[in-house]
Amino acid sequence: MEGPNIREFPRMVLDKRVELKVGKKRVQAKEAGNLSIGGLFVPGREFPVGTPVQVKIATSPPVEADGVVRYCGSKDAKGVGIEFTQVPEAQRARLEALIGQLTRKGAPAC
């Protein structure tokens, strides 16, 4: 039996490429695992918890936000959970539009 969902925001499956910038290093991810208004999960990547990250989601125009790694997966489920810490107003509008688009498209919630 699954316990209660303690997530603050619902998540949607994201089928867009994501670029992470950690310091001066840029890391491409084929796609994110899921997205919410509060953050996203990027499979296959590993950074220590607390690492500041700049996120760029490949949409037109791109969605950009600052975040911090809040979760780092295990050996069997590599990936990082990133909480958005700063999303400028114009970017938040793009993020909300993207989530609305995914919802209308029928992307399953996670």
N, C-alpha and C. Protein backbone atom coordinates (compact mmCIF):
# COMPACT_ATOMS: atom_id res chain seq x y z
N MET A 1 0.85 -1.17 0.00
CA MET A 1 0.00 0.00 0.00
C MET A 1 0.89 1.24 0.00
N GLU A 2 0.53 2.22 -0.80
CA GLU A 2 1.29 3.45 -0.89
C GLU A 2 0.82 4.42 0.17
N GLY A 3 1.77 5.14 0.76
CA GLY A 3 1.45 6.13 1.78
C GLY A 3 0.88 7.39 1.17
N PRO A 4 0.58 8.38 2.01
CA PRO A 4 0.02 9.62 1.51
C PRO A 4 1.03 10.40 0.67
N ASN A 5 0.55 11.13 -0.30
CA ASN A 5 1.41 11.94 -1.14
C ASN A 5 1.71 13.23 -0.39
N ILE A 6 2.98 13.45 -0.05
CA ILE A 6 3.36 14.63 0.71
C ILE A 6 3.87 15.75 -0.19
N ARG A 7 3.81 15.58 -1.47
CA ARG A 7 4.27 16.60 -2.40
C ARG A 7 3.33 17.80 -2.36
N GLU A 8 3.93 18.97 -2.42
CA GLU A 8 3.15 20.20 -2.37
C GLU A 8 2.43 20.48 -3.70
N PHE A 9 3.08 20.11 -4.82
CA PHE A 9 2.52 20.38 -6.15
C PHE A 9 2.43 19.09 -6.95
N PRO A 10 1.36 18.91 -7.74
CA PRO A 10 1.28 17.72 -8.61
C PRO A 10 2.35 17.76 -9.67
N ARG A 11 2.81 16.59 -10.09
CA ARG A 11 3.85 16.49 -11.09
C ARG A 11 3.30 15.90 -12.39
N MET A 12 3.91 16.36 -13.49
CA MET A 12 3.54 15.88 -14.81
C MET A 12 4.77 15.28 -15.46
N VAL A 13 4.57 14.24 -16.28
CA VAL A 13 5.68 13.68 -17.04
C VAL A 13 6.12 14.74 -18.05
N LEU A 14 7.43 14.97 -18.14
CA LEU A 14 7.96 15.98 -19.05
C LEU A 14 8.76 15.31 -20.15
N ASP A 15 8.41 15.59 -21.39
CA ASP A 15 9.08 14.98 -22.55
C ASP A 15 9.92 16.00 -23.31
N LYS A 16 10.55 16.90 -22.59
CA LYS A 16 11.38 17.94 -23.20
C LYS A 16 12.82 17.79 -22.72
N ARG A 17 13.78 18.19 -23.58
CA ARG A 17 15.18 18.19 -23.16
C ARG A 17 15.40 19.25 -22.09
N VAL A 18 16.34 18.95 -21.22
CA VAL A 18 16.67 19.86 -20.13
C VAL A 18 18.17 20.08 -20.12
N GLU A 19 18.57 21.32 -19.91
CA GLU A 19 19.98 21.63 -19.73
C GLU A 19 20.17 22.11 -18.29
N LEU A 20 21.15 21.54 -17.62
CA LEU A 20 21.49 21.95 -16.26
C LEU A 20 22.84 22.65 -16.31
N LYS A 21 22.95 23.74 -15.61
CA LYS A 21 24.23 24.42 -15.49
C LYS A 21 24.61 24.40 -14.01
N VAL A 22 25.74 23.75 -13.74
CA VAL A 22 26.26 23.64 -12.39
C VAL A 22 27.61 24.34 -12.38
N GLY A 23 27.67 25.52 -11.77
CA GLY A 23 28.88 26.32 -11.88
C GLY A 23 29.06 26.73 -13.33
N LYS A 24 30.22 26.41 -13.91
CA LYS A 24 30.47 26.73 -15.32
C LYS A 24 30.22 25.53 -16.23
N LYS A 25 29.87 24.40 -15.64
CA LYS A 25 29.66 23.17 -16.40
C LYS A 25 28.20 23.06 -16.85
N ARG A 26 28.00 22.79 -18.15
CA ARG A 26 26.65 22.56 -18.69
C ARG A 26 26.47 21.07 -18.93
N VAL A 27 25.32 20.57 -18.50
CA VAL A 27 25.01 19.15 -18.63
C VAL A 27 23.68 19.02 -19.34
N GLN A 28 23.66 18.27 -20.45
CA GLN A 28 22.42 18.03 -21.20
C GLN A 28 21.75 16.76 -20.68
N ALA A 29 20.46 16.81 -20.54
CA ALA A 29 19.68 15.63 -20.20
C ALA A 29 18.68 15.42 -21.33
N LYS A 30 18.51 14.18 -21.75
CA LYS A 30 17.59 13.90 -22.85
C LYS A 30 16.21 14.44 -22.53
N GLU A 31 15.75 14.18 -21.33
CA GLU A 31 14.46 14.70 -20.88
C GLU A 31 14.37 14.60 -19.37
N ALA A 32 13.50 15.37 -18.81
CA ALA A 32 13.27 15.30 -17.37
C ALA A 32 12.29 14.17 -17.10
N GLY A 33 12.31 13.67 -15.91
CA GLY A 33 11.36 12.63 -15.54
C GLY A 33 10.00 13.20 -15.23
N ASN A 34 9.99 14.31 -14.47
CA ASN A 34 8.72 14.95 -14.17
C ASN A 34 8.94 16.42 -13.85
N LEU A 35 7.85 17.17 -13.85
CA LEU A 35 7.89 18.61 -13.67
C LEU A 35 6.70 19.05 -12.84
N SER A 36 6.92 20.03 -11.98
CA SER A 36 5.83 20.69 -11.27
C SER A 36 6.16 22.16 -11.19
N ILE A 37 5.27 22.95 -10.67
CA ILE A 37 5.52 24.37 -10.53
C ILE A 37 6.66 24.61 -9.53
N GLY A 38 6.94 23.61 -8.68
CA GLY A 38 7.96 23.76 -7.66
C GLY A 38 9.32 23.18 -8.01
N GLY A 39 9.41 22.39 -9.10
CA GLY A 39 10.70 21.80 -9.44
C GLY A 39 10.57 20.68 -10.45
N LEU A 40 11.64 19.89 -10.59
CA LEU A 40 11.61 18.77 -11.52
C LEU A 40 12.59 17.69 -11.10
N PHE A 41 12.42 16.52 -11.68
CA PHE A 41 13.33 15.40 -11.47
C PHE A 41 14.01 15.11 -12.80
N VAL A 42 15.34 14.98 -12.75
CA VAL A 42 16.12 14.69 -13.95
C VAL A 42 16.81 13.35 -13.76
N PRO A 43 16.37 12.31 -14.49
CA PRO A 43 16.98 10.99 -14.33
C PRO A 43 18.39 10.94 -14.91
N GLY A 44 19.18 10.03 -14.37
CA GLY A 44 20.50 9.77 -14.93
C GLY A 44 21.58 10.75 -14.54
N ARG A 45 21.29 11.71 -13.72
CA ARG A 45 22.27 12.71 -13.30
C ARG A 45 22.49 12.59 -11.79
N GLU A 46 23.68 12.99 -11.36
CA GLU A 46 23.99 12.95 -9.93
C GLU A 46 24.76 14.20 -9.54
N PHE A 47 24.24 14.93 -8.59
CA PHE A 47 24.91 16.06 -7.97
C PHE A 47 24.60 15.99 -6.48
N PRO A 48 25.50 16.44 -5.63
CA PRO A 48 25.24 16.40 -4.19
C PRO A 48 24.03 17.27 -3.80
N VAL A 49 23.32 16.82 -2.79
CA VAL A 49 22.22 17.61 -2.25
C VAL A 49 22.77 18.97 -1.83
N GLY A 50 22.04 20.02 -2.16
CA GLY A 50 22.46 21.37 -1.83
C GLY A 50 23.17 22.09 -2.97
N THR A 51 23.45 21.38 -4.07
CA THR A 51 24.14 21.98 -5.21
C THR A 51 23.23 22.98 -5.92
N PRO A 52 23.67 24.23 -6.10
CA PRO A 52 22.88 25.18 -6.88
C PRO A 52 22.92 24.81 -8.37
N VAL A 53 21.80 24.94 -9.04
CA VAL A 53 21.67 24.53 -10.44
C VAL A 53 20.84 25.57 -11.19
N GLN A 54 21.25 25.86 -12.42
CA GLN A 54 20.42 26.65 -13.32
C GLN A 54 19.77 25.66 -14.29
N VAL A 55 18.47 25.79 -14.46
CA VAL A 55 17.70 24.85 -15.28
C VAL A 55 17.18 25.58 -16.52
N LYS A 56 17.28 24.89 -17.66
CA LYS A 56 16.72 25.43 -18.91
C LYS A 56 15.96 24.29 -19.59
N ILE A 57 14.65 24.47 -19.74
CA ILE A 57 13.80 23.47 -20.38
C ILE A 57 13.60 23.88 -21.83
N ALA A 58 13.86 22.95 -22.75
CA ALA A 58 13.81 23.23 -24.19
C ALA A 58 12.38 23.33 -24.68
N THR A 59 11.84 24.53 -24.56
CA THR A 59 10.54 24.87 -25.14
C THR A 59 10.77 26.13 -25.97
N SER A 60 9.74 26.61 -26.63
CA SER A 60 9.90 27.82 -27.42
C SER A 60 8.93 28.87 -26.92
N PRO A 61 9.41 29.89 -26.23
CA PRO A 61 10.77 30.13 -25.76
C PRO A 61 11.09 29.22 -24.57
N PRO A 62 12.38 29.05 -24.26
CA PRO A 62 12.76 28.15 -23.16
C PRO A 62 12.27 28.65 -21.81
N VAL A 63 12.10 27.71 -20.91
CA VAL A 63 11.77 28.02 -19.52
C VAL A 63 13.08 27.93 -18.74
N GLU A 64 13.41 28.99 -18.00
CA GLU A 64 14.65 29.02 -17.23
C GLU A 64 14.36 29.36 -15.78
N ALA A 65 15.10 28.70 -14.89
CA ALA A 65 14.92 28.94 -13.45
C ALA A 65 16.18 28.54 -12.70
N ASP A 66 16.35 29.13 -11.55
CA ASP A 66 17.42 28.72 -10.64
C ASP A 66 16.83 27.70 -9.68
N GLY A 67 17.67 26.75 -9.28
CA GLY A 67 17.20 25.74 -8.35
C GLY A 67 18.32 25.21 -7.48
N VAL A 68 17.97 24.26 -6.65
CA VAL A 68 18.93 23.59 -5.78
C VAL A 68 18.56 22.11 -5.72
N VAL A 69 19.58 21.26 -5.71
CA VAL A 69 19.34 19.82 -5.63
C VAL A 69 18.85 19.50 -4.22
N ARG A 70 17.68 18.89 -4.15
CA ARG A 70 17.08 18.51 -2.86
C ARG A 70 17.09 17.00 -2.65
N TYR A 71 17.31 16.25 -3.75
CA TYR A 71 17.28 14.79 -3.67
C TYR A 71 18.26 14.23 -4.69
N CYS A 72 19.02 13.23 -4.29
CA CYS A 72 19.89 12.52 -5.20
C CYS A 72 19.53 11.04 -5.08
N GLY A 73 19.15 10.41 -6.19
CA GLY A 73 18.68 9.03 -6.21
C GLY A 73 19.74 8.02 -5.81
N SER A 74 19.34 6.77 -5.83
CA SER A 74 20.21 5.66 -5.47
C SER A 74 20.91 5.09 -6.70
N LYS A 75 21.75 4.08 -6.51
CA LYS A 75 22.44 3.45 -7.63
C LYS A 75 21.46 2.88 -8.64
N ASP A 76 20.33 2.36 -8.16
CA ASP A 76 19.33 1.75 -9.04
C ASP A 76 18.45 2.77 -9.74
N ALA A 77 18.31 3.94 -9.13
CA ALA A 77 17.43 4.98 -9.70
C ALA A 77 18.17 6.31 -9.69
N LYS A 78 19.20 6.41 -10.54
CA LYS A 78 20.00 7.64 -10.59
C LYS A 78 19.14 8.81 -11.04
N GLY A 79 19.40 9.95 -10.45
CA GLY A 79 18.70 11.16 -10.83
C GLY A 79 18.73 12.17 -9.70
N VAL A 80 18.33 13.39 -10.03
CA VAL A 80 18.29 14.45 -9.03
C VAL A 80 16.93 15.12 -9.02
N GLY A 81 16.47 15.41 -7.83
CA GLY A 81 15.27 16.20 -7.64
C GLY A 81 15.70 17.63 -7.38
N ILE A 82 15.22 18.55 -8.20
CA ILE A 82 15.62 19.95 -8.11
C ILE A 82 14.42 20.80 -7.72
N GLU A 83 14.59 21.58 -6.67
CA GLU A 83 13.56 22.52 -6.26
C GLU A 83 13.88 23.87 -6.90
N PHE A 84 12.88 24.49 -7.53
CA PHE A 84 13.08 25.82 -8.08
C PHE A 84 13.17 26.80 -6.92
N THR A 85 14.21 27.62 -6.91
CA THR A 85 14.39 28.60 -5.84
C THR A 85 14.14 30.03 -6.32
N GLN A 86 14.33 30.26 -7.61
CA GLN A 86 14.06 31.58 -8.16
C GLN A 86 13.55 31.42 -9.59
N VAL A 87 12.32 31.85 -9.78
CA VAL A 87 11.71 31.80 -11.12
C VAL A 87 11.15 33.20 -11.39
N PRO A 88 11.82 33.99 -12.22
CA PRO A 88 11.31 35.32 -12.54
C PRO A 88 9.87 35.24 -13.06
N GLU A 89 9.13 36.31 -12.90
CA GLU A 89 7.71 36.33 -13.24
C GLU A 89 7.42 35.86 -14.66
N ALA A 90 8.18 36.35 -15.64
CA ALA A 90 7.95 35.95 -17.04
C ALA A 90 8.22 34.46 -17.22
N GLN A 91 9.23 33.94 -16.55
CA GLN A 91 9.55 32.51 -16.63
C GLN A 91 8.46 31.68 -15.95
N ARG A 92 7.93 32.19 -14.83
CA ARG A 92 6.86 31.46 -14.14
C ARG A 92 5.64 31.34 -15.05
N ALA A 93 5.35 32.39 -15.80
CA ALA A 93 4.22 32.34 -16.73
C ALA A 93 4.47 31.27 -17.80
N ARG A 94 5.71 31.18 -18.30
CA ARG A 94 6.04 30.14 -19.29
C ARG A 94 5.94 28.76 -18.67
N LEU A 95 6.39 28.62 -17.42
CA LEU A 95 6.32 27.34 -16.72
C LEU A 95 4.87 26.92 -16.53
N GLU A 96 4.04 27.84 -16.10
CA GLU A 96 2.61 27.54 -15.93
C GLU A 96 1.97 27.17 -17.26
N ALA A 97 2.35 27.86 -18.34
CA ALA A 97 1.81 27.54 -19.66
C ALA A 97 2.25 26.14 -20.10
N LEU A 98 3.50 25.79 -19.83
CA LEU A 98 3.99 24.45 -20.18
C LEU A 98 3.24 23.38 -19.41
N ILE A 99 3.03 23.59 -18.13
CA ILE A 99 2.29 22.61 -17.32
C ILE A 99 0.85 22.50 -17.83
N GLY A 100 0.24 23.62 -18.19
CA GLY A 100 -1.10 23.59 -18.75
C GLY A 100 -1.14 22.82 -20.06
N GLN A 101 -0.13 23.03 -20.89
CA GLN A 101 -0.03 22.32 -22.17
C GLN A 101 0.11 20.81 -21.95
N LEU A 102 0.96 20.43 -20.99
CA LEU A 102 1.13 19.01 -20.69
C LEU A 102 -0.17 18.40 -20.15
N THR A 103 -0.89 19.17 -19.36
CA THR A 103 -2.16 18.70 -18.81
C THR A 103 -3.18 18.48 -19.92
N ARG A 104 -3.29 19.44 -20.81
CA ARG A 104 -4.24 19.31 -21.94
C ARG A 104 -3.86 18.17 -22.87
N LYS A 105 -2.55 17.96 -23.02
CA LYS A 105 -2.06 16.89 -23.88
C LYS A 105 -2.32 15.51 -23.26
N GLY A 106 -2.61 15.51 -21.98
CA GLY A 106 -2.89 14.25 -21.31
C GLY A 106 -1.67 13.57 -20.73
N ALA A 107 -0.60 14.36 -20.50
CA ALA A 107 0.59 13.77 -19.88
C ALA A 107 0.23 13.27 -18.50
N PRO A 108 0.56 12.03 -18.20
CA PRO A 108 0.17 11.48 -16.90
C PRO A 108 0.89 12.18 -15.76
N ALA A 109 0.20 12.29 -14.66
CA ALA A 109 0.80 12.84 -13.45
C ALA A 109 1.66 11.76 -12.80
N CYS A 110 2.66 12.20 -12.10
CA CYS A 110 3.56 11.25 -11.43
C CYS A 110 3.21 11.13 -9.98
